[in-house]
Amino acid sequence: MTDHVRSTARPDFLDKPSLQGEKVLLRPVTADDVDALMPMLLDAEAARLTGSHHYDGLDEGRIRSWYGSRAEQDDRLDLAVVERATGDVIGEVVLNQWDPGNGSCNFRICLAPGTYGRGLGTEATRLIVGYGFEELGLHRISLEVYAFNPRARRAYEKAGFVAEGVLRDALLWEGERVDSTVMSILAPEWFRHGGRPEAAGHAPD
């Protein structure tokens, strides 16, 4: 089925899939995952990289209620990232801010401290982005990445995201104004390179 035909149908966000890669498994996130996710949610560096100002005031009860309600959401997809080698929940990936009129979603990912630099985030990104295009019929998936997070930007580029522009002084963090880069990947690009632009000869500038 072509991307044009798929994009005319309403995405089935109520179907919460399990997606398996070589290093990670993505599966529906639940309230039972909160204990594993709390170190990530309370990590100061993760908060800085995602621009989360109120990470130290989190209410665990409300967090459990939040994650317990994810299966009922019909306009977004929240999946836990599980490292296959250990079976540990190490983070989450999300497609949210669904725009039905334009067939687009926002993407975000957050991983637990100590899991960076092993390709886990890049693989998780490819898995959920591929699902978004191939199964949900999305046309555009976008994100924002802060200027002080070049590691994440490189991971997004490796998965096929392209920089579109800069939101100047988008974040105020500990007295410093920080730019944010808007990035996106489009369905035709995904179907050309499958989330591996460099292997397909489409290296980012």
C-alpha atoms as a PDB file:
ATOM      1  CA  MET A   1       0.000   0.000   0.000  1.00  0.00           C
ATOM      2  CA  THR A   2       1.433   3.380  -0.922  1.00  0.00           C
ATOM      3  CA  ASP A   3       2.251   6.082   1.592  1.00  0.00           C
ATOM      4  CA  HIS A   4      -0.379   8.350   0.006  1.00  0.00           C
ATOM      5  CA  VAL A   5      -3.125   5.747   0.500  1.00  0.00           C
ATOM      6  CA  ARG A   6      -2.023   4.878   4.034  1.00  0.00           C
ATOM      7  CA  SER A   7      -2.011   8.526   5.106  1.00  0.00           C
ATOM      8  CA  THR A   8      -5.731   8.894   4.389  1.00  0.00           C
ATOM      9  CA  ALA A   9      -6.673   6.468   7.177  1.00  0.00           C
ATOM     10  CA  ARG A  10      -6.755   7.335  10.878  1.00  0.00           C
ATOM     11  CA  PRO A  11      -3.701   5.851  12.630  1.00  0.00           C
ATOM     12  CA  ASP A  12      -4.549   3.115  15.126  1.00  0.00           C
ATOM     13  CA  PHE A  13      -2.784   4.456  18.215  1.00  0.00           C
ATOM     14  CA  LEU A  14      -4.809   2.112  20.445  1.00  0.00           C
ATOM     15  CA  ASP A  15      -2.835  -0.812  19.050  1.00  0.00           C
ATOM     16  CA  LYS A  16       0.245  -0.793  21.271  1.00  0.00           C
ATOM     17  CA  PRO A  17       2.859  -2.956  19.524  1.00  0.00           C
ATOM     18  CA  SER A  18       5.997  -4.759  20.603  1.00  0.00           C
ATOM     19  CA  LEU A  19       8.899  -4.024  18.261  1.00  0.00           C
ATOM     20  CA  GLN A  20      12.074  -6.104  18.397  1.00  0.00           C
ATOM     21  CA  GLY A  21      15.529  -5.081  17.288  1.00  0.00           C
ATOM     22  CA  GLU A  22      18.961  -6.617  17.778  1.00  0.00           C
ATOM     23  CA  LYS A  23      19.741  -4.663  20.953  1.00  0.00           C
ATOM     24  CA  VAL A  24      16.402  -3.421  22.249  1.00  0.00           C
ATOM     25  CA  LEU A  25      12.778  -4.413  22.487  1.00  0.00           C
ATOM     26  CA  LEU A  26      10.063  -1.775  22.484  1.00  0.00           C
ATOM     27  CA  ARG A  27       6.849  -2.761  24.243  1.00  0.00           C
ATOM     28  CA  PRO A  28       3.847  -0.981  25.776  1.00  0.00           C
ATOM     29  CA  VAL A  29       4.858   0.936  28.887  1.00  0.00           C
ATOM     30  CA  THR A  30       2.906   0.267  32.103  1.00  0.00           C
ATOM     31  CA  ALA A  31       2.748   1.453  35.700  1.00  0.00           C
ATOM     32  CA  ASP A  32       4.922  -1.537  36.634  1.00  0.00           C
ATOM     33  CA  ASP A  33       7.805   0.095  34.749  1.00  0.00           C
ATOM     34  CA  VAL A  34       7.891   3.156  37.004  1.00  0.00           C
ATOM     35  CA  ASP A  35      10.454   1.713  39.431  1.00  0.00           C
ATOM     36  CA  ALA A  36      12.843   1.132  36.532  1.00  0.00           C
ATOM     37  CA  LEU A  37      12.122   4.531  34.980  1.00  0.00           C
ATOM     38  CA  MET A  38      12.482   6.637  38.144  1.00  0.00           C
ATOM     39  CA  PRO A  39      16.312   6.889  37.963  1.00  0.00           C
ATOM     40  CA  MET A  40      15.876   8.353  34.465  1.00  0.00           C
ATOM     41  CA  LEU A  41      13.096  10.699  35.538  1.00  0.00           C
ATOM     42  CA  LEU A  42      15.141  11.947  38.505  1.00  0.00           C
ATOM     43  CA  ASP A  43      18.492  12.207  36.708  1.00  0.00           C
ATOM     44  CA  ALA A  44      19.798  15.781  36.617  1.00  0.00           C
ATOM     45  CA  GLU A  45      21.654  15.317  33.321  1.00  0.00           C
ATOM     46  CA  ALA A  46      18.635  13.754  31.609  1.00  0.00           C
ATOM     47  CA  ALA A  47      16.572  16.704  32.829  1.00  0.00           C
ATOM     48  CA  ARG A  48      19.099  19.166  31.388  1.00  0.00           C
ATOM     49  CA  LEU A  49      19.288  17.441  28.006  1.00  0.00           C
ATOM     50  CA  THR A  50      15.491  17.340  27.692  1.00  0.00           C
ATOM     51  CA  GLY A  51      14.929  20.797  29.176  1.00  0.00           C
ATOM     52  CA  SER A  52      12.774  19.444  32.028  1.00  0.00           C
ATOM     53  CA  HIS A  53      12.723  22.151  34.699  1.00  0.00           C
ATOM     54  CA  HIS A  54      10.710  20.380  37.391  1.00  0.00           C
ATOM     55  CA  TYR A  55      12.288  16.924  37.482  1.00  0.00           C
ATOM     56  CA  ASP A  56      13.038  17.186  41.239  1.00  0.00           C
ATOM     57  CA  GLY A  57       9.405  17.813  42.136  1.00  0.00           C
ATOM     58  CA  LEU A  58       7.956  14.646  40.633  1.00  0.00           C
ATOM     59  CA  ASP A  59       5.109  12.904  42.452  1.00  0.00           C
ATOM     60  CA  GLU A  60       5.577   9.141  42.137  1.00  0.00           C
ATOM     61  CA  GLY A  61       1.873   8.454  42.611  1.00  0.00           C
ATOM     62  CA  ARG A  62       0.943  10.740  39.741  1.00  0.00           C
ATOM     63  CA  ILE A  63       3.692   9.226  37.618  1.00  0.00           C
ATOM     64  CA  ARG A  64       2.298   5.719  38.205  1.00  0.00           C
ATOM     65  CA  SER A  65      -1.165   6.926  37.266  1.00  0.00           C
ATOM     66  CA  TRP A  66       0.252   8.527  34.112  1.00  0.00           C
ATOM     67  CA  TYR A  67       2.039   5.415  32.914  1.00  0.00           C
ATOM     68  CA  GLY A  68      -0.908   3.243  33.904  1.00  0.00           C
ATOM     69  CA  SER A  69      -3.141   5.213  31.530  1.00  0.00           C
ATOM     70  CA  ARG A  70      -0.927   4.978  28.436  1.00  0.00           C
ATOM     71  CA  ALA A  71      -2.715   1.904  27.034  1.00  0.00           C
ATOM     72  CA  GLU A  72      -5.941   3.916  26.760  1.00  0.00           C
ATOM     73  CA  GLN A  73      -4.505   6.764  24.683  1.00  0.00           C
ATOM     74  CA  ASP A  74      -5.838   6.868  21.112  1.00  0.00           C
ATOM     75  CA  ASP A  75      -3.750   9.808  19.905  1.00  0.00           C
ATOM     76  CA  ARG A  76      -0.208   8.859  20.956  1.00  0.00           C
ATOM     77  CA  LEU A  77       2.115   5.893  21.423  1.00  0.00           C
ATOM     78  CA  ASP A  78       4.261   5.369  24.527  1.00  0.00           C
ATOM     79  CA  LEU A  79       6.643   2.406  24.539  1.00  0.00           C
ATOM     80  CA  ALA A  80       9.198   1.198  27.070  1.00  0.00           C
ATOM     81  CA  VAL A  81      12.741   0.554  25.838  1.00  0.00           C
ATOM     82  CA  VAL A  82      14.037  -2.798  27.088  1.00  0.00           C
ATOM     83  CA  GLU A  83      17.686  -3.783  26.677  1.00  0.00           C
ATOM     84  CA  ARG A  84      17.564  -7.321  25.330  1.00  0.00           C
ATOM     85  CA  ALA A  85      20.911  -8.369  26.826  1.00  0.00           C
ATOM     86  CA  THR A  86      19.713  -7.700  30.381  1.00  0.00           C
ATOM     87  CA  GLY A  87      15.914  -7.553  30.175  1.00  0.00           C
ATOM     88  CA  ASP A  88      16.037  -4.185  31.948  1.00  0.00           C
ATOM     89  CA  VAL A  89      13.748  -1.278  31.147  1.00  0.00           C
ATOM     90  CA  ILE A  90      16.161   1.532  30.266  1.00  0.00           C
ATOM     91  CA  GLY A  91      13.915   4.268  28.913  1.00  0.00           C
ATOM     92  CA  GLU A  92      10.959   5.232  26.794  1.00  0.00           C
ATOM     93  CA  VAL A  93      10.103   6.370  23.272  1.00  0.00           C
ATOM     94  CA  VAL A  94       7.013   8.371  22.384  1.00  0.00           C
ATOM     95  CA  LEU A  95       5.076   9.492  19.336  1.00  0.00           C
ATOM     96  CA  ASN A  96       2.807  12.329  20.471  1.00  0.00           C
ATOM     97  CA  GLN A  97       1.313  15.669  19.393  1.00  0.00           C
ATOM     98  CA  TRP A  98      -0.511  13.885  16.583  1.00  0.00           C
ATOM     99  CA  ASP A  99      -1.739  16.307  13.914  1.00  0.00           C
ATOM    100  CA  PRO A 100      -4.486  14.436  12.015  1.00  0.00           C
ATOM    101  CA  GLY A 101      -4.918  17.116   9.378  1.00  0.00           C
ATOM    102  CA  ASN A 102      -1.298  16.889   8.298  1.00  0.00           C
ATOM    103  CA  GLY A 103      -0.431  13.295   9.197  1.00  0.00           C
ATOM    104  CA  SER A 104       2.385  14.236  11.545  1.00  0.00           C
ATOM    105  CA  CYS A 105       3.662  13.449  15.031  1.00  0.00           C
ATOM    106  CA  ASN A 106       6.343  14.630  17.407  1.00  0.00           C
ATOM    107  CA  PHE A 107       8.979  12.149  18.598  1.00  0.00           C
ATOM    108  CA  ARG A 108      10.874  12.018  21.848  1.00  0.00           C
ATOM    109  CA  ILE A 109      13.161   9.543  23.547  1.00  0.00           C
ATOM    110  CA  CYS A 110      14.773   9.419  26.974  1.00  0.00           C
ATOM    111  CA  LEU A 111      17.163   6.779  28.270  1.00  0.00           C
ATOM    112  CA  ALA A 112      18.445   5.976  31.747  1.00  0.00           C
ATOM    113  CA  PRO A 113      21.868   7.244  32.830  1.00  0.00           C
ATOM    114  CA  GLY A 114      24.681   4.858  31.959  1.00  0.00           C
ATOM    115  CA  THR A 115      23.053   3.556  28.765  1.00  0.00           C
ATOM    116  CA  TYR A 116      24.370   6.138  26.306  1.00  0.00           C
ATOM    117  CA  GLY A 117      26.900   5.472  23.565  1.00  0.00           C
ATOM    118  CA  ARG A 118      25.964   1.856  22.794  1.00  0.00           C
ATOM    119  CA  GLY A 119      23.587   2.409  19.896  1.00  0.00           C
ATOM    120  CA  LEU A 120      20.521   1.571  21.966  1.00  0.00           C
ATOM    121  CA  GLY A 121      18.848   4.923  21.378  1.00  0.00           C
ATOM    122  CA  THR A 122      19.520   4.908  17.644  1.00  0.00           C
ATOM    123  CA  GLU A 123      17.992   1.457  17.267  1.00  0.00           C
ATOM    124  CA  ALA A 124      14.987   2.380  19.409  1.00  0.00           C
ATOM    125  CA  THR A 125      14.503   5.493  17.287  1.00  0.00           C
ATOM    126  CA  ARG A 126      14.579   3.509  14.050  1.00  0.00           C
ATOM    127  CA  LEU A 127      12.091   0.968  15.394  1.00  0.00           C
ATOM    128  CA  ILE A 128       9.398   3.435  16.446  1.00  0.00           C
ATOM    129  CA  VAL A 129       9.921   5.773  13.477  1.00  0.00           C
ATOM    130  CA  GLY A 130       9.601   2.842  11.107  1.00  0.00           C
ATOM    131  CA  TYR A 131       6.396   1.803  12.835  1.00  0.00           C
ATOM    132  CA  GLY A 132       5.082   5.344  12.536  1.00  0.00           C
ATOM    133  CA  PHE A 133       5.568   5.393   8.780  1.00  0.00           C
ATOM    134  CA  GLU A 134       4.966   1.765   7.828  1.00  0.00           C
ATOM    135  CA  GLU A 135       2.060   0.902  10.141  1.00  0.00           C
ATOM    136  CA  LEU A 136       0.501   4.193  11.276  1.00  0.00           C
ATOM    137  CA  GLY A 137       0.796   5.826   7.862  1.00  0.00           C
ATOM    138  CA  LEU A 138       2.333   9.069   9.131  1.00  0.00           C
ATOM    139  CA  HIS A 139       3.903  11.500   6.672  1.00  0.00           C
ATOM    140  CA  ARG A 140       6.157  13.538   8.975  1.00  0.00           C
ATOM    141  CA  ILE A 141       7.819  12.900  12.335  1.00  0.00           C
ATOM    142  CA  SER A 142       9.631  15.795  14.007  1.00  0.00           C
ATOM    143  CA  LEU A 143      11.618  16.599  17.136  1.00  0.00           C
ATOM    144  CA  GLU A 144      13.648  19.315  18.801  1.00  0.00           C
ATOM    145  CA  VAL A 145      17.173  18.911  20.153  1.00  0.00           C
ATOM    146  CA  TYR A 146      19.066  21.465  22.240  1.00  0.00           C
ATOM    147  CA  ALA A 147      22.416  22.868  21.168  1.00  0.00           C
ATOM    148  CA  PHE A 148      24.189  21.378  24.200  1.00  0.00           C
ATOM    149  CA  ASN A 149      23.183  17.836  23.160  1.00  0.00           C
ATOM    150  CA  PRO A 150      25.257  17.073  20.014  1.00  0.00           C
ATOM    151  CA  ARG A 151      25.345  13.348  20.881  1.00  0.00           C
ATOM    152  CA  ALA A 152      21.568  13.118  20.537  1.00  0.00           C
ATOM    153  CA  ARG A 153      21.581  15.168  17.341  1.00  0.00           C
ATOM    154  CA  ARG A 154      24.092  12.765  15.795  1.00  0.00           C
ATOM    155  CA  ALA A 155      21.937   9.786  16.785  1.00  0.00           C
ATOM    156  CA  TYR A 156      18.903  11.393  15.162  1.00  0.00           C
ATOM    157  CA  GLU A 157      20.882  12.100  11.985  1.00  0.00           C
ATOM    158  CA  LYS A 158      21.999   8.468  11.849  1.00  0.00           C
ATOM    159  CA  ALA A 159      18.318   7.454  11.945  1.00  0.00           C
ATOM    160  CA  GLY A 160      17.472   9.820   9.079  1.00  0.00           C
ATOM    161  CA  PHE A 161      16.311  13.034  10.747  1.00  0.00           C
ATOM    162  CA  VAL A 162      17.239  16.240   8.903  1.00  0.00           C
ATOM    163  CA  ALA A 163      17.789  19.646  10.519  1.00  0.00           C
ATOM    164  CA  GLU A 164      15.204  22.204   9.395  1.00  0.00           C
ATOM    165  CA  GLY A 165      15.990  25.316  11.400  1.00  0.00           C
ATOM    166  CA  VAL A 166      16.917  26.823  14.749  1.00  0.00           C
ATOM    167  CA  LEU A 167      14.629  28.140  17.472  1.00  0.00           C
ATOM    168  CA  ARG A 168      16.837  30.776  19.049  1.00  0.00           C
ATOM    169  CA  ASP A 169      17.043  30.981  22.852  1.00  0.00           C
ATOM    170  CA  ALA A 170      14.263  28.401  23.127  1.00  0.00           C
ATOM    171  CA  LEU A 171      15.384  27.175  26.559  1.00  0.00           C
ATOM    172  CA  LEU A 172      16.508  29.033  29.662  1.00  0.00           C
ATOM    173  CA  TRP A 173      18.633  26.636  31.696  1.00  0.00           C
ATOM    174  CA  GLU A 174      20.413  27.787  34.827  1.00  0.00           C
ATOM    175  CA  GLY A 175      20.749  31.319  33.487  1.00  0.00           C
ATOM    176  CA  GLU A 176      21.860  30.317  29.995  1.00  0.00           C
ATOM    177  CA  ARG A 177      19.743  30.777  26.865  1.00  0.00           C
ATOM    178  CA  VAL A 178      20.038  27.718  24.634  1.00  0.00           C
ATOM    179  CA  ASP A 179      19.041  27.269  20.991  1.00  0.00           C
ATOM    180  CA  SER A 180      16.916  24.329  19.846  1.00  0.00           C
ATOM    181  CA  THR A 181      17.194  22.710  16.420  1.00  0.00           C
ATOM    182  CA  VAL A 182      14.033  21.429  14.754  1.00  0.00           C
ATOM    183  CA  MET A 183      14.581  18.146  12.912  1.00  0.00           C
ATOM    184  CA  SER A 184      12.243  15.925  10.929  1.00  0.00           C
ATOM    185  CA  ILE A 185      12.034  12.840   8.768  1.00  0.00           C
ATOM    186  CA  LEU A 186       9.444  12.360   6.032  1.00  0.00           C
ATOM    187  CA  ALA A 187       7.807   9.141   4.871  1.00  0.00           C
ATOM    188  CA  PRO A 188       9.359   9.254   1.356  1.00  0.00           C
ATOM    189  CA  GLU A 189      12.803   9.606   2.950  1.00  0.00           C
ATOM    190  CA  TRP A 190      12.180   6.672   5.275  1.00  0.00           C
ATOM    191  CA  PHE A 191      11.045   4.437   2.433  1.00  0.00           C
ATOM    192  CA  ARG A 192      14.203   5.352   0.494  1.00  0.00           C
ATOM    193  CA  HIS A 193      16.750   4.580   3.211  1.00  0.00           C
ATOM    194  CA  GLY A 194      14.955   2.762   6.056  1.00  0.00           C
ATOM    195  CA  GLY A 195      16.493   4.944   8.731  1.00  0.00           C
ATOM    196  CA  ARG A 196      20.065   4.420   7.466  1.00  0.00           C
ATOM    197  CA  PRO A 197      20.790   7.429   5.231  1.00  0.00           C
ATOM    198  CA  GLU A 198      24.575   7.026   5.312  1.00  0.00           C
ATOM    199  CA  ALA A 199      24.413   3.413   4.137  1.00  0.00           C
ATOM    200  CA  ALA A 200      22.082   4.511   1.333  1.00  0.00           C
ATOM    201  CA  GLY A 201      24.396   7.353   0.291  1.00  0.00           C
ATOM    202  CA  HIS A 202      22.278  10.109   1.856  1.00  0.00           C
ATOM    203  CA  ALA A 203      24.719  11.377   4.466  1.00  0.00           C
ATOM    204  CA  PRO A 204      23.595  14.515   6.323  1.00  0.00           C
ATOM    205  CA  ASP A 205      25.342  17.783   5.586  1.00  0.00           C
END
